[in-house]
Every structure is written in structure tokens, then in C-alpha cells.
Amino acid sequence: MNKNFIINLESKMKNNFLYLIITVCFSLILFSSCKKDDTTGPVNTNSFVVIDLSNNAVVGDTVTLSVKLQNKDAVTKVDYYREGTLINSSTNPADNFKFIWILTNPVLGAEYKIYAVATDKENKTVVSDTITLHYQWRLLMTDTNEPWLKNIHQVFVRSSETKLEFRVVVHGMWGDPFNINEGISCGIYIDTDQNPNTGLKPVANFFPYKVNDIGPDYMLLAGFEDSRLFRWNDADTSWKIKSDLNYLNMPNSINTFELGINRSEIGNPNKVDIVVMNISLNDSGEAKWDWAPDAGHVTYTVDGKYLGKKTVFKYNPIPVLKPGKTFLLGK
């Protein structure tokens, strides 16, 4: 065999082997570099930071704030802000940068608009969307002050996994809420199918009222007429007792009451239309009517987002009204 051919062949094999070695080494370096970037890259290579609380959640005196991150190992700090004011910071990725926020002098129904800012190892930041939290109650509606006492001022709402609850505040103050001369009769009307052509129809000839533009299927009644949950009956066009309230807190000499029902009692709807109506008597015994809102209705998503402490109230006795003095029951 030609000696020169053998030498050239050996030279090519050596060169190919050297090329293979160089290629493998380069690949290992590249793979190692890519792997490092995947685990410790800056947070802005993620596209989000999300506060781990639902928007419009109803909270109690303490709020647990934490975040969801695509790459939390790249983050060094998360700052929590309320409307531009720093609440506090967390540097602990082990528990998703959790911070326990204790509210200071909270007001029932107050709103807190919260957002988070995550900072990475290169001092780059990502900002979360802003969420709204409500303290104890979520404000559903505010009504104008009519020219007589004991008319609707504010209505609040909240829902847990099992309950639907309301808080009603009136202008003025009652004495004994269950006394026809001193108290009120307040109906919270709920249209569970959001269909004005079912339930108590706005055009129905039913003494002595219509409920704005909704067809309520249920009425939560509190005050001197009765204090229970009623369901509309189309067969004889009347309100029928459905069940007792889950609770009612309606003390003497105040302007606020709270009540709750089991969500299952009204069929566990996801969304409802609501109108509130209140009756009080003036000094001459004339019934004064008030609607909230004055026209139309408010829609509420029964979201089960109440996260606060569950309060148990003593249930008030159901009053007995004299015949001929019914209003919202329409008997």
C-alpha cells in the first residue's frame, strides 16, 4: 500500500477526532450555560407576578398576601402596595413571599386596592395587576336620603361557600324594629333567574307595589311584618314562607341590621338581580315607601369570596303583626 496514502489517512483521522473533541466540549459549555439561565434568569424573562387573592374578595382584620411567579428563584424581593403606598416587603421565596397584613382602624365596607412589585437579581421589576379587597362587607348600593326618617341609606353584601348575607343601613334610627310604629319592614328581593317575566312581575296586579324592573323569586323580610325567607308563588300570586333566616341581628335603638340565608335555600345561583324596599310609618300612621335603587336593580355575582371571621348572632323572635297591617307581604 502507498506509504503517503497511509500517512494522509492517519492525519485525517486525527483531525476528525480533534474536531469531534472540540464539538463535544463546545456543546457541553453551551448546554451548561443554557441550563444556568433557565434557573436563575431575571424575573422579567417571566411575564407575570400575580397576587394570590381573588379580586373583590371580602376580608377580615388580617390579610395573607402572597404571589404566584413563573420563576420565583430569580426574585429577591416582593413589595406590596396599597394605592401607591408601600405596605411591606418580603424576601422569602420559600412561602411565595408571604406577608401577613394587619389592617389598621378598618371601616366596614372599606375598599383596599392592592398590587405587588417583584424585583429580580438584576434589579429589574415586574408589577402585578391591581386587585380590590373589601373589609367585612362589599358595598352593593347607596341610596339618596328621602324626606322622612328610616329610609334606606346603604346595602352591603357578602357570600361564603354556604351563605348569602346582607347588611342594611337606614337614615335615621328605629326604636323597637318589630313595633309597627317605631320600626321598619325591609324586604330584600332576589331575582335568581334574572328574568323579569318570572316571579313577582313588575306589571302584576299585586297589592300594593312592583319591584322596579325585576321579577323577584325570593324575598328576605326583616322587621315588624315578619322575619323569614319567602318564595313567590305564581299559582295564587302570593308570597309563601320558604324557611327561617339563617341568622338575623336587628337590635333596638340603632339603624343597622344584618341577616343571612343558606345559599341552598334559593337554589345556589351564580348571579342574582337585587332590589331592596323599606316601609316605615310617619307620625300620622301613613306608610312611607323607599326603593333602593330608586329605579332599576343591582346585579351581584354570588362568588363565595368572604374570607373573614364567621360571626354567629342571636336570632331575633319572629313578630306577630295585627291583621290588616301588612305591606310587603301584600296579604
C-alpha atoms as a PDB file:
ATOM      1  CA  MET A   1       0.000   0.000   0.000  1.00  0.00           C
ATOM      2  CA  ASN A   2       1.224   3.509  -0.788  1.00  0.00           C
ATOM      3  CA  LYS A   3       3.028   4.964   2.216  1.00  0.00           C
ATOM      4  CA  ASN A   4       1.823   8.525   1.523  1.00  0.00           C
ATOM      5  CA  PHE A   5      -1.815   7.326   1.428  1.00  0.00           C
ATOM      6  CA  ILE A   6      -1.458   5.762   4.867  1.00  0.00           C
ATOM      7  CA  ILE A   7       0.078   8.935   6.310  1.00  0.00           C
ATOM      8  CA  ASN A   8      -2.735  11.106   4.856  1.00  0.00           C
ATOM      9  CA  LEU A   9      -5.384   8.748   6.189  1.00  0.00           C
ATOM     10  CA  GLU A  10      -3.876   8.805   9.674  1.00  0.00           C
ATOM     11  CA  SER A  11      -3.712  12.601   9.535  1.00  0.00           C
ATOM     12  CA  LYS A  12      -7.395  12.897   8.545  1.00  0.00           C
ATOM     13  CA  MET A  13      -8.449  10.557  11.341  1.00  0.00           C
ATOM     14  CA  LYS A  14      -6.519  12.591  13.859  1.00  0.00           C
ATOM     15  CA  ASN A  15      -8.108  15.806  12.564  1.00  0.00           C
ATOM     16  CA  ASN A  16     -11.596  14.282  12.674  1.00  0.00           C
ATOM     17  CA  PHE A  17     -11.038  13.070  16.209  1.00  0.00           C
ATOM     18  CA  LEU A  18      -9.804  16.502  17.260  1.00  0.00           C
ATOM     19  CA  TYR A  19     -12.855  18.074  15.606  1.00  0.00           C
ATOM     20  CA  LEU A  20     -15.130  15.676  17.494  1.00  0.00           C
ATOM     21  CA  ILE A  21     -13.481  16.536  20.809  1.00  0.00           C
ATOM     22  CA  ILE A  22     -13.847  20.278  20.167  1.00  0.00           C
ATOM     23  CA  THR A  23     -17.508  19.874  19.145  1.00  0.00           C
ATOM     24  CA  VAL A  24     -18.408  17.881  22.261  1.00  0.00           C
ATOM     25  CA  CYS A  25     -16.689  20.374  24.568  1.00  0.00           C
ATOM     26  CA  PHE A  26     -18.449  23.310  22.921  1.00  0.00           C
ATOM     27  CA  SER A  27     -21.825  21.567  23.246  1.00  0.00           C
ATOM     28  CA  LEU A  28     -21.269  20.889  26.944  1.00  0.00           C
ATOM     29  CA  ILE A  29     -20.374  24.512  27.574  1.00  0.00           C
ATOM     30  CA  LEU A  30     -23.444  25.717  25.677  1.00  0.00           C
ATOM     31  CA  PHE A  31     -25.771  23.277  27.488  1.00  0.00           C
ATOM     32  CA  SER A  32     -24.360  24.284  30.870  1.00  0.00           C
ATOM     33  CA  SER A  33     -24.836  27.957  30.052  1.00  0.00           C
ATOM     34  CA  CYS A  34     -28.448  27.429  28.905  1.00  0.00           C
ATOM     35  CA  LYS A  35     -29.320  25.392  31.975  1.00  0.00           C
ATOM     36  CA  LYS A  36     -27.988  28.098  34.269  1.00  0.00           C
ATOM     37  CA  ASP A  37     -30.049  30.776  32.508  1.00  0.00           C
ATOM     38  CA  ASP A  38     -33.221  28.677  32.843  1.00  0.00           C
ATOM     39  CA  THR A  39     -32.990  28.502  36.637  1.00  0.00           C
ATOM     40  CA  THR A  40     -31.550  31.861  37.638  1.00  0.00           C
ATOM     41  CA  GLY A  41     -32.547  34.237  34.862  1.00  0.00           C
ATOM     42  CA  PRO A  42     -34.029  37.656  35.635  1.00  0.00           C
ATOM     43  CA  VAL A  43     -37.684  37.832  36.600  1.00  0.00           C
ATOM     44  CA  ASN A  44     -38.558  39.919  33.566  1.00  0.00           C
ATOM     45  CA  THR A  45     -37.973  36.804  31.440  1.00  0.00           C
ATOM     46  CA  ASN A  46     -41.194  35.708  33.191  1.00  0.00           C
ATOM     47  CA  SER A  47     -44.192  37.626  32.053  1.00  0.00           C
ATOM     48  CA  PHE A  48     -46.135  37.930  35.287  1.00  0.00           C
ATOM     49  CA  VAL A  49     -46.441  38.333  39.030  1.00  0.00           C
ATOM     50  CA  VAL A  50     -49.922  37.635  40.421  1.00  0.00           C
ATOM     51  CA  ILE A  51     -51.284  38.305  43.920  1.00  0.00           C
ATOM     52  CA  ASP A  52     -52.694  35.041  45.254  1.00  0.00           C
ATOM     53  CA  LEU A  53     -56.094  36.520  46.214  1.00  0.00           C
ATOM     54  CA  SER A  54     -59.266  36.883  44.176  1.00  0.00           C
ATOM     55  CA  ASN A  55     -60.304  40.316  43.014  1.00  0.00           C
ATOM     56  CA  ASN A  56     -63.233  41.632  45.122  1.00  0.00           C
ATOM     57  CA  ALA A  57     -62.515  39.210  47.974  1.00  0.00           C
ATOM     58  CA  VAL A  58     -64.132  40.214  51.279  1.00  0.00           C
ATOM     59  CA  VAL A  59     -61.529  40.022  54.052  1.00  0.00           C
ATOM     60  CA  GLY A  60     -61.287  40.252  57.831  1.00  0.00           C
ATOM     61  CA  ASP A  61     -58.857  42.020  60.161  1.00  0.00           C
ATOM     62  CA  THR A  62     -55.809  40.182  58.817  1.00  0.00           C
ATOM     63  CA  VAL A  63     -54.978  39.533  55.167  1.00  0.00           C
ATOM     64  CA  THR A  64     -52.454  36.968  53.924  1.00  0.00           C
ATOM     65  CA  LEU A  65     -50.627  38.340  50.885  1.00  0.00           C
ATOM     66  CA  SER A  66     -48.503  36.112  48.652  1.00  0.00           C
ATOM     67  CA  VAL A  67     -47.737  35.893  44.934  1.00  0.00           C
ATOM     68  CA  LYS A  68     -47.504  33.468  42.047  1.00  0.00           C
ATOM     69  CA  LEU A  69     -44.344  33.711  39.917  1.00  0.00           C
ATOM     70  CA  GLN A  70     -43.124  31.828  36.885  1.00  0.00           C
ATOM     71  CA  ASN A  71     -39.555  31.799  38.216  1.00  0.00           C
ATOM     72  CA  LYS A  72     -39.517  32.720  41.903  1.00  0.00           C
ATOM     73  CA  ASP A  73     -35.840  31.670  42.311  1.00  0.00           C
ATOM     74  CA  ALA A  74     -34.877  34.713  40.258  1.00  0.00           C
ATOM     75  CA  VAL A  75     -36.753  37.092  42.586  1.00  0.00           C
ATOM     76  CA  THR A  76     -35.051  38.714  45.570  1.00  0.00           C
ATOM     77  CA  LYS A  77     -37.951  40.758  46.950  1.00  0.00           C
ATOM     78  CA  VAL A  78     -41.668  41.394  46.597  1.00  0.00           C
ATOM     79  CA  ASP A  79     -43.125  44.739  47.693  1.00  0.00           C
ATOM     80  CA  TYR A  80     -46.834  45.087  48.443  1.00  0.00           C
ATOM     81  CA  TYR A  81     -48.515  48.434  47.813  1.00  0.00           C
ATOM     82  CA  ARG A  82     -51.882  49.948  48.650  1.00  0.00           C
ATOM     83  CA  GLU A  83     -52.698  52.630  46.079  1.00  0.00           C
ATOM     84  CA  GLY A  84     -49.037  53.615  45.708  1.00  0.00           C
ATOM     85  CA  THR A  85     -48.135  53.423  49.407  1.00  0.00           C
ATOM     86  CA  LEU A  86     -45.780  50.623  50.458  1.00  0.00           C
ATOM     87  CA  ILE A  87     -47.425  48.235  52.937  1.00  0.00           C
ATOM     88  CA  ASN A  88     -44.471  45.914  53.481  1.00  0.00           C
ATOM     89  CA  SER A  89     -41.899  43.701  51.743  1.00  0.00           C
ATOM     90  CA  SER A  90     -40.997  40.025  51.738  1.00  0.00           C
ATOM     91  CA  THR A  91     -37.676  38.410  50.786  1.00  0.00           C
ATOM     92  CA  ASN A  92     -38.653  34.788  51.445  1.00  0.00           C
ATOM     93  CA  PRO A  93     -39.342  32.734  48.289  1.00  0.00           C
ATOM     94  CA  ALA A  94     -39.927  29.556  50.323  1.00  0.00           C
ATOM     95  CA  ASP A  95     -43.516  30.567  51.134  1.00  0.00           C
ATOM     96  CA  ASN A  96     -44.151  32.568  47.934  1.00  0.00           C
ATOM     97  CA  PHE A  97     -43.105  35.837  49.582  1.00  0.00           C
ATOM     98  CA  LYS A  98     -45.945  35.678  52.099  1.00  0.00           C
ATOM     99  CA  PHE A  99     -46.766  38.654  54.280  1.00  0.00           C
ATOM    100  CA  ILE A 100     -49.465  38.870  56.979  1.00  0.00           C
ATOM    101  CA  TRP A 101     -51.082  42.297  56.720  1.00  0.00           C
ATOM    102  CA  ILE A 102     -52.950  43.501  59.832  1.00  0.00           C
ATOM    103  CA  LEU A 103     -55.423  46.234  58.915  1.00  0.00           C
ATOM    104  CA  THR A 104     -55.264  49.456  60.942  1.00  0.00           C
ATOM    105  CA  ASN A 105     -58.544  51.077  62.034  1.00  0.00           C
ATOM    106  CA  PRO A 106     -60.564  49.464  59.246  1.00  0.00           C
ATOM    107  CA  VAL A 107     -64.032  50.750  58.358  1.00  0.00           C
ATOM    108  CA  LEU A 108     -66.797  48.315  57.404  1.00  0.00           C
ATOM    109  CA  GLY A 109     -67.140  48.179  53.643  1.00  0.00           C
ATOM    110  CA  ALA A 110     -63.830  49.984  53.033  1.00  0.00           C
ATOM    111  CA  GLU A 111     -62.013  49.138  49.785  1.00  0.00           C
ATOM    112  CA  TYR A 112     -58.305  48.399  49.553  1.00  0.00           C
ATOM    113  CA  LYS A 113     -56.672  48.477  46.114  1.00  0.00           C
ATOM    114  CA  ILE A 114     -53.547  46.304  46.270  1.00  0.00           C
ATOM    115  CA  TYR A 115     -50.720  45.462  43.860  1.00  0.00           C
ATOM    116  CA  ALA A 116     -47.313  43.757  44.122  1.00  0.00           C
ATOM    117  CA  VAL A 117     -43.892  44.569  42.641  1.00  0.00           C
ATOM    118  CA  ALA A 118     -41.339  41.737  42.219  1.00  0.00           C
ATOM    119  CA  THR A 119     -37.634  42.659  41.958  1.00  0.00           C
ATOM    120  CA  ASP A 120     -35.029  40.268  40.470  1.00  0.00           C
ATOM    121  CA  LYS A 121     -31.289  39.836  40.968  1.00  0.00           C
ATOM    122  CA  GLU A 122     -30.563  42.365  38.224  1.00  0.00           C
ATOM    123  CA  ASN A 123     -32.842  44.914  39.911  1.00  0.00           C
ATOM    124  CA  LYS A 124     -35.472  44.571  37.205  1.00  0.00           C
ATOM    125  CA  THR A 125     -39.128  44.649  38.238  1.00  0.00           C
ATOM    126  CA  VAL A 126     -42.484  43.216  37.252  1.00  0.00           C
ATOM    127  CA  VAL A 127     -45.777  44.713  38.523  1.00  0.00           C
ATOM    128  CA  SER A 128     -48.952  42.730  39.182  1.00  0.00           C
ATOM    129  CA  ASP A 129     -52.477  43.744  38.255  1.00  0.00           C
ATOM    130  CA  THR A 130     -54.322  45.712  40.951  1.00  0.00           C
ATOM    131  CA  ILE A 131     -56.980  43.848  42.939  1.00  0.00           C
ATOM    132  CA  THR A 132     -59.695  45.282  45.179  1.00  0.00           C
ATOM    133  CA  LEU A 133     -60.325  43.897  48.663  1.00  0.00           C
ATOM    134  CA  HIS A 134     -63.371  44.757  50.803  1.00  0.00           C
ATOM    135  CA  TYR A 135     -63.309  44.869  54.599  1.00  0.00           C
ATOM    136  CA  GLN A 136     -66.004  42.627  56.124  1.00  0.00           C
ATOM    137  CA  TRP A 137     -68.685  43.697  53.617  1.00  0.00           C
ATOM    138  CA  ARG A 138     -68.882  44.688  49.971  1.00  0.00           C
ATOM    139  CA  LEU A 139     -70.925  47.835  49.286  1.00  0.00           C
ATOM    140  CA  LEU A 140     -73.775  46.915  46.954  1.00  0.00           C
ATOM    141  CA  MET A 141     -75.643  50.216  46.705  1.00  0.00           C
ATOM    142  CA  THR A 142     -76.060  53.678  48.274  1.00  0.00           C
ATOM    143  CA  ASP A 143     -79.469  55.369  48.206  1.00  0.00           C
ATOM    144  CA  THR A 144     -80.438  59.030  48.498  1.00  0.00           C
ATOM    145  CA  ASN A 145     -81.894  60.363  51.742  1.00  0.00           C
ATOM    146  CA  GLU A 146     -85.654  60.765  51.326  1.00  0.00           C
ATOM    147  CA  PRO A 147     -87.556  63.481  53.252  1.00  0.00           C
ATOM    148  CA  TRP A 148     -88.536  61.119  56.077  1.00  0.00           C
ATOM    149  CA  LEU A 149     -86.749  59.060  58.681  1.00  0.00           C
ATOM    150  CA  LYS A 150     -85.858  55.389  58.434  1.00  0.00           C
ATOM    151  CA  ASN A 151     -85.302  55.154  54.675  1.00  0.00           C
ATOM    152  CA  ILE A 152     -82.526  53.144  53.035  1.00  0.00           C
ATOM    153  CA  HIS A 153     -79.007  54.539  53.131  1.00  0.00           C
ATOM    154  CA  GLN A 154     -76.628  51.676  52.226  1.00  0.00           C
ATOM    155  CA  VAL A 155     -76.851  47.984  51.413  1.00  0.00           C
ATOM    156  CA  PHE A 156     -73.842  45.678  51.769  1.00  0.00           C
ATOM    157  CA  VAL A 157     -73.443  42.056  50.680  1.00  0.00           C
ATOM    158  CA  ARG A 158     -71.080  39.121  51.041  1.00  0.00           C
ATOM    159  CA  SER A 159     -71.161  35.398  50.364  1.00  0.00           C
ATOM    160  CA  SER A 160     -69.227  32.402  51.627  1.00  0.00           C
ATOM    161  CA  GLU A 161     -69.336  28.851  50.310  1.00  0.00           C
ATOM    162  CA  THR A 162     -72.670  28.241  52.050  1.00  0.00           C
ATOM    163  CA  LYS A 163     -74.211  31.610  52.987  1.00  0.00           C
ATOM    164  CA  LEU A 164     -75.531  34.761  51.341  1.00  0.00           C
ATOM    165  CA  GLU A 165     -75.550  37.720  53.750  1.00  0.00           C
ATOM    166  CA  PHE A 166     -76.750  41.329  53.739  1.00  0.00           C
ATOM    167  CA  ARG A 167     -76.165  44.394  55.901  1.00  0.00           C
ATOM    168  CA  VAL A 168     -78.707  47.237  55.594  1.00  0.00           C
ATOM    169  CA  VAL A 169     -78.167  50.749  56.979  1.00  0.00           C
ATOM    170  CA  VAL A 170     -81.010  53.279  57.094  1.00  0.00           C
ATOM    171  CA  HIS A 171     -81.110  57.047  57.523  1.00  0.00           C
ATOM    172  CA  GLY A 172     -82.433  57.814  60.977  1.00  0.00           C
ATOM    173  CA  MET A 173     -82.914  55.273  63.742  1.00  0.00           C
ATOM    174  CA  TRP A 174     -85.644  52.927  64.922  1.00  0.00           C
ATOM    175  CA  GLY A 175     -86.689  52.201  68.496  1.00  0.00           C
ATOM    176  CA  ASP A 176     -88.103  48.689  68.580  1.00  0.00           C
ATOM    177  CA  PRO A 177     -87.668  47.397  64.999  1.00  0.00           C
ATOM    178  CA  PHE A 178     -90.568  44.966  65.449  1.00  0.00           C
ATOM    179  CA  ASN A 179     -93.023  47.624  66.635  1.00  0.00           C
ATOM    180  CA  ILE A 180     -95.113  48.902  63.733  1.00  0.00           C
ATOM    181  CA  ASN A 181     -94.975  52.490  64.965  1.00  0.00           C
ATOM    182  CA  GLU A 182     -91.266  52.523  65.845  1.00  0.00           C
ATOM    183  CA  GLY A 183     -89.717  50.033  63.459  1.00  0.00           C
ATOM    184  CA  ILE A 184     -89.368  49.145  59.800  1.00  0.00           C
ATOM    185  CA  SER A 185     -90.331  46.385  57.414  1.00  0.00           C
ATOM    186  CA  CYS A 186     -87.493  45.783  54.951  1.00  0.00           C
ATOM    187  CA  GLY A 187     -87.587  43.363  52.038  1.00  0.00           C
ATOM    188  CA  ILE A 188     -84.515  42.262  50.080  1.00  0.00           C
ATOM    189  CA  TYR A 189     -85.795  40.994  46.731  1.00  0.00           C
ATOM    190  CA  ILE A 190     -83.745  38.464  44.762  1.00  0.00           C
ATOM    191  CA  ASP A 191     -84.305  37.507  41.131  1.00  0.00           C
ATOM    192  CA  THR A 192     -82.388  34.240  40.902  1.00  0.00           C
ATOM    193  CA  ASP A 193     -83.009  33.589  37.197  1.00  0.00           C
ATOM    194  CA  GLN A 194     -82.539  37.265  36.204  1.00  0.00           C
ATOM    195  CA  ASN A 195     -85.758  37.069  34.238  1.00  0.00           C
ATOM    196  CA  PRO A 196     -88.293  39.891  34.825  1.00  0.00           C
ATOM    197  CA  ASN A 197     -91.045  37.753  33.291  1.00  0.00           C
ATOM    198  CA  THR A 198     -90.905  35.163  36.084  1.00  0.00           C
ATOM    199  CA  GLY A 199     -91.517  35.561  39.806  1.00  0.00           C
ATOM    200  CA  LEU A 200     -93.348  38.668  41.027  1.00  0.00           C
ATOM    201  CA  LYS A 201     -93.725  40.503  37.720  1.00  0.00           C
ATOM    202  CA  PRO A 202     -93.383  44.301  37.588  1.00  0.00           C
ATOM    203  CA  VAL A 203     -96.725  44.505  35.798  1.00  0.00           C
ATOM    204  CA  ALA A 204     -98.539  42.146  38.171  1.00  0.00           C
ATOM    205  CA  ASN A 205    -101.658  43.462  39.887  1.00  0.00           C
ATOM    206  CA  PHE A 206    -100.300  42.708  43.335  1.00  0.00           C
ATOM    207  CA  PHE A 207    -101.058  44.978  46.268  1.00  0.00           C
ATOM    208  CA  PRO A 208     -99.525  47.416  46.570  1.00  0.00           C
ATOM    209  CA  TYR A 209     -96.205  47.538  44.742  1.00  0.00           C
ATOM    210  CA  LYS A 210     -93.901  46.404  41.976  1.00  0.00           C
ATOM    211  CA  VAL A 211     -90.183  45.783  42.376  1.00  0.00           C
ATOM    212  CA  ASN A 212     -88.663  48.079  39.767  1.00  0.00           C
ATOM    213  CA  ASP A 213     -87.633  46.125  36.660  1.00  0.00           C
ATOM    214  CA  ILE A 214     -87.009  42.651  38.148  1.00  0.00           C
ATOM    215  CA  GLY A 215     -89.214  39.625  38.696  1.00  0.00           C
ATOM    216  CA  PRO A 216     -88.117  38.542  42.189  1.00  0.00           C
ATOM    217  CA  ASP A 217     -88.342  34.862  43.050  1.00  0.00           C
ATOM    218  CA  TYR A 218     -87.437  35.333  46.731  1.00  0.00           C
ATOM    219  CA  MET A 219     -87.861  37.974  49.438  1.00  0.00           C
ATOM    220  CA  LEU A 220     -85.772  38.188  52.623  1.00  0.00           C
ATOM    221  CA  LEU A 221     -88.023  40.010  55.060  1.00  0.00           C
ATOM    222  CA  ALA A 222     -86.979  41.648  58.343  1.00  0.00           C
ATOM    223  CA  GLY A 223     -88.911  43.874  60.724  1.00  0.00           C
ATOM    224  CA  PHE A 224     -92.436  44.359  62.028  1.00  0.00           C
ATOM    225  CA  GLU A 225     -94.227  42.285  59.339  1.00  0.00           C
ATOM    226  CA  ASP A 226     -92.147  39.125  59.628  1.00  0.00           C
ATOM    227  CA  SER A 227     -88.541  37.927  59.578  1.00  0.00           C
ATOM    228  CA  ARG A 228     -88.165  34.956  57.256  1.00  0.00           C
ATOM    229  CA  LEU A 229     -87.338  33.913  53.714  1.00  0.00           C
ATOM    230  CA  PHE A 230     -90.319  33.898  51.325  1.00  0.00           C
ATOM    231  CA  ARG A 231     -90.734  32.453  47.840  1.00  0.00           C
ATOM    232  CA  TRP A 232     -93.111  33.826  45.227  1.00  0.00           C
ATOM    233  CA  ASN A 233     -95.949  31.507  44.256  1.00  0.00           C
ATOM    234  CA  ASP A 234     -97.374  32.048  40.784  1.00  0.00           C
ATOM    235  CA  ALA A 235    -100.330  29.746  41.353  1.00  0.00           C
ATOM    236  CA  ASP A 236    -102.098  32.083  43.786  1.00  0.00           C
ATOM    237  CA  THR A 237     -99.896  35.184  43.299  1.00  0.00           C
ATOM    238  CA  SER A 238     -98.658  35.381  46.879  1.00  0.00           C
ATOM    239  CA  TRP A 239     -95.526  35.106  48.983  1.00  0.00           C
ATOM    240  CA  LYS A 240     -95.137  31.728  50.709  1.00  0.00           C
ATOM    241  CA  ILE A 241     -92.806  31.040  53.650  1.00  0.00           C
ATOM    242  CA  LYS A 242     -89.737  29.199  52.371  1.00  0.00           C
ATOM    243  CA  SER A 243     -87.648  28.945  55.557  1.00  0.00           C
ATOM    244  CA  ASP A 244     -86.336  30.736  58.607  1.00  0.00           C
ATOM    245  CA  LEU A 245     -83.401  33.050  58.082  1.00  0.00           C
ATOM    246  CA  ASN A 246     -80.008  31.580  58.892  1.00  0.00           C
ATOM    247  CA  TYR A 247     -79.497  34.471  61.296  1.00  0.00           C
ATOM    248  CA  LEU A 248     -80.839  37.954  61.993  1.00  0.00           C
ATOM    249  CA  ASN A 249     -79.160  40.685  64.031  1.00  0.00           C
ATOM    250  CA  MET A 250     -81.632  43.560  64.442  1.00  0.00           C
ATOM    251  CA  PRO A 251     -81.177  45.283  67.841  1.00  0.00           C
ATOM    252  CA  ASN A 252     -83.262  48.084  69.339  1.00  0.00           C
ATOM    253  CA  SER A 253     -82.334  51.764  69.019  1.00  0.00           C
ATOM    254  CA  ILE A 254     -79.974  51.532  66.067  1.00  0.00           C
ATOM    255  CA  ASN A 255     -80.065  51.992  62.292  1.00  0.00           C
ATOM    256  CA  THR A 256     -78.400  48.794  61.022  1.00  0.00           C
ATOM    257  CA  PHE A 257     -79.351  45.152  60.722  1.00  0.00           C
ATOM    258  CA  GLU A 258     -77.637  42.080  59.312  1.00  0.00           C
ATOM    259  CA  LEU A 259     -79.135  38.821  58.114  1.00  0.00           C
ATOM    260  CA  GLY A 260     -78.105  35.690  56.261  1.00  0.00           C
ATOM    261  CA  ILE A 261     -79.604  32.729  54.451  1.00  0.00           C
ATOM    262  CA  ASN A 262     -78.255  29.404  53.280  1.00  0.00           C
ATOM    263  CA  ARG A 263     -77.431  29.648  49.577  1.00  0.00           C
ATOM    264  CA  SER A 264     -79.040  26.264  49.023  1.00  0.00           C
ATOM    265  CA  GLU A 265     -82.436  27.741  50.051  1.00  0.00           C
ATOM    266  CA  ILE A 266     -82.505  29.819  46.858  1.00  0.00           C
ATOM    267  CA  GLY A 267     -81.001  27.172  44.564  1.00  0.00           C
ATOM    268  CA  ASN A 268     -77.316  28.212  44.704  1.00  0.00           C
ATOM    269  CA  PRO A 269     -77.476  30.754  41.851  1.00  0.00           C
ATOM    270  CA  ASN A 270     -74.233  32.116  40.418  1.00  0.00           C
ATOM    271  CA  LYS A 271     -75.591  35.597  39.778  1.00  0.00           C
ATOM    272  CA  VAL A 272     -78.700  37.456  41.005  1.00  0.00           C
ATOM    273  CA  ASP A 273     -80.515  40.768  40.478  1.00  0.00           C
ATOM    274  CA  ILE A 274     -81.394  42.640  43.681  1.00  0.00           C
ATOM    275  CA  VAL A 275     -83.750  45.431  44.745  1.00  0.00           C
ATOM    276  CA  VAL A 276     -84.330  46.463  48.371  1.00  0.00           C
ATOM    277  CA  MET A 277     -87.600  48.002  49.612  1.00  0.00           C
ATOM    278  CA  ASN A 278     -88.309  49.528  53.000  1.00  0.00           C
ATOM    279  CA  ILE A 279     -91.518  50.610  54.782  1.00  0.00           C
ATOM    280  CA  SER A 280     -91.799  52.871  57.822  1.00  0.00           C
ATOM    281  CA  LEU A 281     -94.747  54.797  59.264  1.00  0.00           C
ATOM    282  CA  ASN A 282     -94.769  58.526  59.927  1.00  0.00           C
ATOM    283  CA  ASP A 283     -96.404  60.114  62.990  1.00  0.00           C
ATOM    284  CA  SER A 284     -99.848  60.032  61.384  1.00  0.00           C
ATOM    285  CA  GLY A 285     -99.555  56.320  60.622  1.00  0.00           C
ATOM    286  CA  GLU A 286     -99.002  56.776  56.881  1.00  0.00           C
ATOM    287  CA  ALA A 287     -96.710  54.188  55.294  1.00  0.00           C
ATOM    288  CA  LYS A 288     -93.655  55.683  53.587  1.00  0.00           C
ATOM    289  CA  TRP A 289     -92.088  53.536  50.871  1.00  0.00           C
ATOM    290  CA  ASP A 290     -88.466  53.576  49.749  1.00  0.00           C
ATOM    291  CA  TRP A 291     -86.782  51.655  46.935  1.00  0.00           C
ATOM    292  CA  ALA A 292     -83.047  51.080  46.531  1.00  0.00           C
ATOM    293  CA  PRO A 293     -82.033  51.708  43.907  1.00  0.00           C
ATOM    294  CA  ASP A 294     -84.811  54.161  43.081  1.00  0.00           C
ATOM    295  CA  ALA A 295     -85.027  52.610  39.605  1.00  0.00           C
ATOM    296  CA  GLY A 296     -83.504  49.533  38.022  1.00  0.00           C
ATOM    297  CA  HIS A 297     -81.561  46.970  40.060  1.00  0.00           C
ATOM    298  CA  VAL A 298     -78.094  45.844  41.108  1.00  0.00           C
ATOM    299  CA  THR A 299     -76.550  42.584  39.912  1.00  0.00           C
ATOM    300  CA  TYR A 300     -74.391  40.578  42.311  1.00  0.00           C
ATOM    301  CA  THR A 301     -72.179  37.603  41.483  1.00  0.00           C
ATOM    302  CA  VAL A 302     -72.529  35.094  44.323  1.00  0.00           C
ATOM    303  CA  ASP A 303     -68.799  34.448  44.433  1.00  0.00           C
ATOM    304  CA  GLY A 304     -68.264  32.919  47.890  1.00  0.00           C
ATOM    305  CA  LYS A 305     -65.272  35.223  48.460  1.00  0.00           C
ATOM    306  CA  TYR A 306     -65.859  36.140  52.096  1.00  0.00           C
ATOM    307  CA  LEU A 307     -62.683  35.137  53.941  1.00  0.00           C
ATOM    308  CA  GLY A 308     -63.268  36.810  57.306  1.00  0.00           C
ATOM    309  CA  LYS A 309     -64.338  35.514  60.660  1.00  0.00           C
ATOM    310  CA  LYS A 310     -67.763  33.895  60.732  1.00  0.00           C
ATOM    311  CA  THR A 311     -69.905  35.675  63.335  1.00  0.00           C
ATOM    312  CA  VAL A 312     -72.878  33.917  64.929  1.00  0.00           C
ATOM    313  CA  PHE A 313     -75.713  36.215  66.034  1.00  0.00           C
ATOM    314  CA  LYS A 314     -78.617  35.543  68.317  1.00  0.00           C
ATOM    315  CA  TYR A 315     -81.767  35.071  66.268  1.00  0.00           C
ATOM    316  CA  ASN A 316     -84.495  37.634  66.954  1.00  0.00           C
ATOM    317  CA  PRO A 317     -88.021  36.345  67.667  1.00  0.00           C
ATOM    318  CA  ILE A 318     -90.463  36.465  64.762  1.00  0.00           C
ATOM    319  CA  PRO A 319     -93.015  39.231  65.430  1.00  0.00           C
ATOM    320  CA  VAL A 320     -96.764  38.781  65.132  1.00  0.00           C
ATOM    321  CA  LEU A 321     -98.461  41.572  63.185  1.00  0.00           C
ATOM    322  CA  LYS A 322    -102.087  42.549  63.638  1.00  0.00           C
ATOM    323  CA  PRO A 323    -104.363  41.689  60.679  1.00  0.00           C
ATOM    324  CA  GLY A 324    -104.823  44.446  58.112  1.00  0.00           C
ATOM    325  CA  LYS A 325    -101.382  45.952  58.674  1.00  0.00           C
ATOM    326  CA  THR A 326     -99.320  44.082  56.113  1.00  0.00           C
ATOM    327  CA  PHE A 327     -97.390  45.897  53.383  1.00  0.00           C
ATOM    328  CA  LEU A 328     -94.599  43.934  51.717  1.00  0.00           C
ATOM    329  CA  LEU A 329     -96.382  40.619  52.259  1.00  0.00           C
ATOM    330  CA  GLY A 330     -99.411  42.059  50.491  1.00  0.00           C
ATOM    331  CA  LYS A 331    -101.996  39.988  52.344  1.00  0.00           C
END
